[in-house]
Protein backbone atom coordinates (compact mmCIF):
# COMPACT_ATOMS: atom_id res chain seq x y z
CA UNK A 1 6.21 -68.37 -140.42
CA UNK A 2 3.66 -65.48 -139.70
CA UNK A 3 3.68 -64.12 -136.61
CA UNK A 4 1.17 -64.49 -133.68
CA UNK A 5 -0.53 -60.98 -134.31
CA UNK A 6 -1.64 -62.63 -137.73
CA UNK A 7 -2.27 -65.85 -136.68
CA UNK A 8 -5.77 -67.35 -137.01
CA UNK A 9 -5.80 -67.29 -132.46
CA UNK A 10 -5.19 -63.00 -132.33
CA UNK A 11 -7.89 -63.21 -135.20
CA UNK A 12 -10.62 -64.84 -132.90
CA UNK A 13 -9.68 -63.22 -130.18
CA UNK A 14 -9.91 -59.59 -131.76
CA UNK A 15 -13.76 -60.53 -133.34
CA UNK A 16 -14.34 -61.33 -129.06
CA UNK A 17 -12.65 -58.17 -128.43
CA UNK A 18 -15.74 -57.09 -130.53
CA UNK A 19 -18.28 -58.57 -129.06
CA UNK A 20 -17.28 -58.26 -125.37
CA UNK A 21 -16.36 -54.58 -125.55
CA UNK A 22 -13.33 -55.07 -124.13
CA UNK A 23 -9.55 -55.70 -124.67
CA UNK A 24 -8.08 -59.28 -123.27
CA UNK A 25 -5.25 -59.44 -122.08
CA UNK A 26 -3.25 -62.00 -124.28
CA UNK A 27 -1.10 -65.18 -123.35
CA UNK A 28 -2.06 -64.11 -119.97
CA UNK A 29 -0.43 -66.02 -116.35
CA UNK A 30 -2.16 -66.99 -113.50
CA UNK A 31 0.33 -67.85 -110.32
CA UNK A 32 -1.87 -70.65 -109.98
CA UNK A 33 -1.62 -72.83 -113.61
CA UNK A 34 1.59 -74.52 -113.56
CA UNK A 35 3.33 -77.06 -115.33
CA UNK A 36 5.22 -79.87 -114.47
CA UNK A 37 8.05 -78.97 -113.00
CA UNK A 38 11.67 -79.40 -114.44
CA UNK A 39 14.38 -80.89 -113.02
CA UNK A 40 15.60 -77.80 -110.77
CA UNK A 41 12.04 -78.20 -109.18
CA UNK A 42 10.54 -75.01 -111.30
CA UNK A 43 7.16 -74.81 -112.44
CA UNK A 44 6.83 -72.37 -115.18
CA UNK A 45 2.94 -70.82 -115.50
CA UNK A 46 1.17 -71.72 -118.17
CA UNK A 47 -0.66 -69.13 -120.48
CA UNK A 48 -3.98 -68.76 -121.60
CA UNK A 49 -4.68 -67.29 -124.92
CA UNK A 50 -6.72 -64.58 -123.66
CA UNK A 51 -8.11 -63.41 -120.43
CA UNK A 52 -10.97 -60.65 -120.09
CA UNK A 53 -10.78 -59.30 -116.19
CA UNK A 54 -13.89 -57.51 -116.62
CA UNK A 55 -16.07 -60.74 -117.77
CA UNK A 56 -14.51 -63.05 -115.61
CA UNK A 57 -13.82 -65.29 -118.89
CA UNK A 58 -10.61 -67.02 -120.60
CA UNK A 59 -10.52 -68.30 -124.16
CA UNK A 60 -8.89 -70.94 -125.44
CA UNK A 61 -8.83 -71.27 -128.98
CA UNK A 62 -7.76 -74.62 -129.86
CA UNK A 63 -6.36 -75.17 -133.23
CA UNK A 64 -6.34 -78.98 -134.80
CA UNK A 65 -2.80 -80.30 -133.01
CA UNK A 66 -5.22 -79.96 -130.05
CA UNK A 67 -7.36 -82.69 -130.89
CA UNK A 68 -5.49 -84.69 -133.65
CA UNK A 69 -2.04 -86.32 -133.77
CA UNK A 70 0.29 -84.26 -135.41
CA UNK A 71 4.31 -85.40 -135.68
CA UNK A 72 4.91 -81.76 -136.84
CA UNK A 73 4.02 -80.10 -133.63
CA UNK A 74 3.93 -83.26 -131.75
CA UNK A 75 7.54 -83.77 -131.88
CA UNK A 76 7.40 -87.80 -130.92
CA UNK A 77 11.10 -88.43 -130.81
CA UNK A 78 11.39 -85.38 -127.80
CA UNK A 79 10.65 -86.01 -124.42
CA UNK A 80 9.24 -82.74 -122.31
CA UNK A 81 9.69 -82.15 -118.76
CA UNK A 82 6.60 -84.36 -118.43
CA UNK A 83 7.96 -86.92 -119.02
CA UNK A 84 5.72 -87.27 -122.40
CA UNK A 85 6.58 -85.66 -125.88
CA UNK A 86 4.90 -82.70 -126.95
CA UNK A 87 1.39 -83.72 -128.32
CA UNK A 88 0.79 -85.61 -124.56
CA UNK A 89 2.15 -82.86 -122.96
CA UNK A 90 -0.17 -80.16 -124.65
CA UNK A 91 -3.27 -82.93 -124.09
CA UNK A 92 -1.77 -82.80 -120.12
CA UNK A 93 -2.18 -78.94 -120.17
CA UNK A 94 -5.47 -78.62 -122.02
CA UNK A 95 -7.19 -80.53 -119.05
CA UNK A 96 -5.47 -78.76 -116.59
CA UNK A 97 -6.44 -75.58 -117.84
CA UNK A 98 -10.07 -76.82 -118.24
CA UNK A 99 -10.34 -77.99 -114.52
CA UNK A 100 -7.88 -75.04 -113.00
CA UNK A 101 -9.85 -72.14 -114.55
CA UNK A 102 -13.54 -72.43 -113.25
CA UNK A 103 -12.18 -73.76 -110.13
CA UNK A 104 -10.74 -70.39 -109.65
CA UNK A 105 -14.12 -68.74 -110.66
CA UNK A 106 -13.53 -68.02 -113.97
CA UNK A 107 -15.46 -69.34 -117.11
CA UNK A 108 -13.72 -70.91 -119.60
CA UNK A 109 -15.07 -71.05 -123.38
CA UNK A 110 -12.84 -73.19 -125.58
CA UNK A 111 -13.22 -72.09 -129.27
CA UNK A 112 -12.35 -74.94 -132.02
CA UNK A 113 -11.57 -74.07 -136.15
CA UNK A 114 -14.54 -76.31 -136.95
CA UNK A 115 -16.98 -73.95 -134.68
CA UNK A 116 -16.05 -70.68 -137.30
CA UNK A 117 -15.67 -70.85 -141.12
CA UNK A 118 -12.66 -72.89 -141.78
CA UNK A 119 -11.51 -75.12 -144.43
CA UNK A 120 -10.55 -78.83 -143.66
CA UNK A 121 -6.98 -78.09 -142.62
CA UNK A 122 -8.44 -75.88 -139.59
CA UNK A 123 -7.23 -72.59 -141.52
CA UNK A 124 -10.23 -69.80 -140.98
CA UNK A 125 -11.56 -68.11 -144.17
CA UNK A 126 -12.00 -64.99 -142.06
CA UNK A 127 -15.48 -64.32 -142.36
CA UNK A 128 -16.06 -62.28 -140.19
CA UNK A 129 -19.84 -61.60 -140.02
CA UNK A 130 -20.45 -65.21 -139.65
CA UNK A 131 -17.70 -65.44 -136.96
CA UNK A 132 -18.99 -62.79 -135.00
CA UNK A 133 -21.90 -64.40 -135.04
CA UNK A 134 -21.35 -67.62 -134.06
CA UNK A 135 -18.55 -66.10 -131.35
CA UNK A 136 -21.81 -64.13 -130.04
CA UNK A 137 -23.61 -67.33 -129.07
CA UNK A 138 -20.60 -69.11 -127.64
CA UNK A 139 -19.81 -66.25 -125.45
CA UNK A 140 -23.28 -65.86 -124.17
CA UNK A 141 -24.22 -67.08 -120.78
CA UNK A 142 -26.59 -69.85 -120.12
CA UNK A 143 -28.82 -68.29 -118.01
CA UNK A 144 -31.04 -64.52 -118.41
CA UNK A 145 -29.11 -63.77 -114.79
CA UNK A 146 -25.41 -64.07 -116.62
CA UNK A 147 -26.73 -62.18 -119.71
CA UNK A 148 -27.79 -59.23 -117.50
CA UNK A 149 -24.46 -59.90 -115.70
CA UNK A 150 -22.52 -59.65 -118.99
CA UNK A 151 -24.30 -57.17 -120.20
CA UNK A 152 -24.26 -54.72 -117.20
CA UNK A 153 -20.17 -55.30 -117.01
CA UNK A 154 -19.87 -54.45 -120.61
CA UNK A 155 -21.78 -51.17 -120.13
CA UNK A 156 -19.47 -50.40 -116.90
CA UNK A 157 -16.72 -51.09 -119.41
CA UNK A 158 -17.97 -48.56 -121.63
CA UNK A 159 -18.56 -45.63 -118.69
CA UNK A 160 -15.02 -45.85 -117.58
CA UNK A 161 -15.28 -48.47 -114.47
CA UNK A 162 -13.11 -51.24 -113.91
CA UNK A 163 -14.84 -54.59 -112.46
CA UNK A 164 -13.26 -56.20 -109.57
CA UNK A 165 -12.44 -59.16 -107.33
CA UNK A 166 -16.16 -58.40 -105.07
CA UNK A 167 -15.31 -57.53 -101.11
CA UNK A 168 -17.80 -59.62 -100.10
CA UNK A 169 -18.06 -63.03 -102.07
CA UNK A 170 -21.89 -62.69 -102.78
CA UNK A 171 -21.88 -59.59 -104.40
CA UNK A 172 -22.71 -59.77 -108.06
CA UNK A 173 -20.44 -56.94 -109.29
CA UNK A 174 -18.17 -54.69 -108.15
CA UNK A 175 -16.80 -51.79 -109.96
CA UNK A 176 -14.32 -48.90 -109.11
CA UNK A 177 -14.16 -45.82 -111.06
CA UNK A 178 -11.68 -42.87 -109.57
CA UNK A 179 -12.70 -42.96 -106.12
CA UNK A 180 -15.88 -44.18 -106.30
CA UNK A 181 -17.19 -47.68 -105.92
CA UNK A 182 -20.48 -49.44 -106.96
CA UNK A 183 -21.74 -52.99 -105.37
CA UNK A 184 -24.17 -54.67 -107.77
CA UNK A 185 -26.82 -57.11 -106.81
CA UNK A 186 -27.95 -58.66 -110.30
CA UNK A 187 -31.36 -60.71 -110.88
CA UNK A 188 -32.88 -61.95 -114.50
CA UNK A 189 -35.91 -62.41 -115.96
CA UNK A 190 -38.28 -64.26 -113.04
CA UNK A 191 -41.75 -66.03 -112.71
CA UNK A 192 -41.59 -63.85 -108.94
CA UNK A 193 -40.67 -60.23 -110.10
CA UNK A 194 -42.16 -58.98 -106.73
CA UNK A 195 -40.27 -61.37 -104.17
CA UNK A 196 -36.75 -61.28 -106.21
CA UNK A 197 -36.59 -57.99 -105.90
CA UNK A 198 -37.81 -57.56 -102.15
CA UNK A 199 -35.03 -60.08 -101.67
CA UNK A 200 -32.34 -58.24 -104.03
CA UNK A 201 -33.03 -55.32 -102.20
CA UNK A 202 -32.39 -57.18 -98.90
CA UNK A 203 -29.29 -58.52 -100.29
CA UNK A 204 -28.07 -55.05 -100.80
CA UNK A 205 -29.03 -53.43 -97.24
CA UNK A 206 -27.03 -56.42 -95.58
CA UNK A 207 -23.87 -55.40 -98.15
CA UNK A 208 -23.92 -51.48 -96.60
CA UNK A 209 -20.96 -52.13 -94.71
CA UNK A 210 -18.70 -48.80 -96.01
CA UNK A 211 -19.28 -45.31 -94.93
CA UNK A 212 -16.82 -44.45 -97.54
CA UNK A 213 -18.94 -41.50 -99.47
CA UNK A 214 -17.80 -43.13 -103.04
CA UNK A 215 -19.33 -45.97 -102.25
CA UNK A 216 -22.91 -46.49 -103.98
CA UNK A 217 -25.09 -49.90 -104.59
CA UNK A 218 -27.21 -50.84 -107.72
CA UNK A 219 -29.94 -53.41 -108.42
CA UNK A 220 -29.96 -54.53 -111.98
CA UNK A 221 -32.86 -55.63 -113.56
CA UNK A 222 -33.89 -56.84 -116.67
CA UNK A 223 -37.06 -54.52 -118.18
CA UNK A 224 -39.63 -57.45 -116.61
CA UNK A 225 -38.57 -56.72 -113.58
CA UNK A 226 -38.55 -52.99 -113.54
CA UNK A 227 -41.85 -52.19 -112.12
CA UNK A 228 -41.29 -54.55 -108.94
CA UNK A 229 -38.07 -53.07 -108.52
CA UNK A 230 -39.80 -49.39 -108.36
CA UNK A 231 -41.92 -50.36 -105.52
CA UNK A 232 -39.46 -48.95 -103.19
CA UNK A 233 -40.02 -44.98 -103.67
CA UNK A 234 -37.11 -43.55 -105.04
CA UNK A 235 -36.66 -41.10 -102.48
CA UNK A 236 -35.97 -44.29 -100.39
CA UNK A 237 -33.51 -45.69 -102.89
CA UNK A 238 -32.11 -42.26 -102.61
CA UNK A 239 -31.29 -41.94 -99.03
CA UNK A 240 -29.81 -45.32 -99.71
CA UNK A 241 -27.59 -44.74 -102.14
CA UNK A 242 -29.23 -47.52 -104.57
CA UNK A 243 -29.25 -47.02 -107.68
CA UNK A 244 -31.29 -48.92 -110.42
CA UNK A 245 -30.21 -50.26 -113.97
CA UNK A 246 -32.69 -51.84 -116.57
CA UNK A 247 -30.99 -54.53 -119.08
CA UNK A 248 -33.44 -54.45 -121.90
CA UNK A 249 -33.80 -57.85 -124.21
CA UNK A 250 -31.39 -56.37 -127.01
CA UNK A 251 -29.11 -56.18 -123.86
CA UNK A 252 -28.93 -52.08 -123.54
CA UNK A 253 -28.45 -50.70 -120.19
CA UNK A 254 -30.12 -47.84 -118.70
CA UNK A 255 -30.01 -46.13 -115.38
CA UNK A 256 -33.41 -45.27 -114.22
CA UNK A 257 -34.05 -41.95 -112.73
CA UNK A 258 -34.73 -41.73 -108.83
């Protein structure tokens, strides 16, 4: 039997690392994602295939045994702590992941062999270029604001920042680097560029509760909203410690001069 590092799951996670610009925590366990209690009452923490904290993203790679009955994997004559055989328990725990992960504010993406270049037995042919193209689509967010958020998070990671859980629950992105902290409001494409920019500045003002010298604020906008965001003069932005970032249509991030 091959090692986990040589598995299709490891291959998929490695490609996701390339797409996201962040190394995953593999087989990560959350305190709130638990299996059924055993005879002692203890509940084991259930692992997820891959977790990217900077993107607040979980990926599950589900091979054929997650969707089809397979006696070799299911062990139908052997009961688990859930009172069902292994195949039924796998479905039960998959459903639990599907519910609990989004409920805790994380995005879940489930990838199956059929999504990629695979043979009839579900084994990946490892056509890396084609698989990466598919994964980019699967991992992409649906709204333009989500696209801007993901692009900016990836840029922060490349610049040595660590995205963290926001101090204020309404903050879009918060990150730390040494003693520095960056609190960000993010906007996507909109038909009301000026109004949305004004709202974003107001949201940042309400979050200026820290007097720490290393705390700065940022407005992150797509290229189409740069002119609207620049209506607040640069000298005012400097006084308020607000940085302005542009995310282009090809997801390149620019810090605009103040």
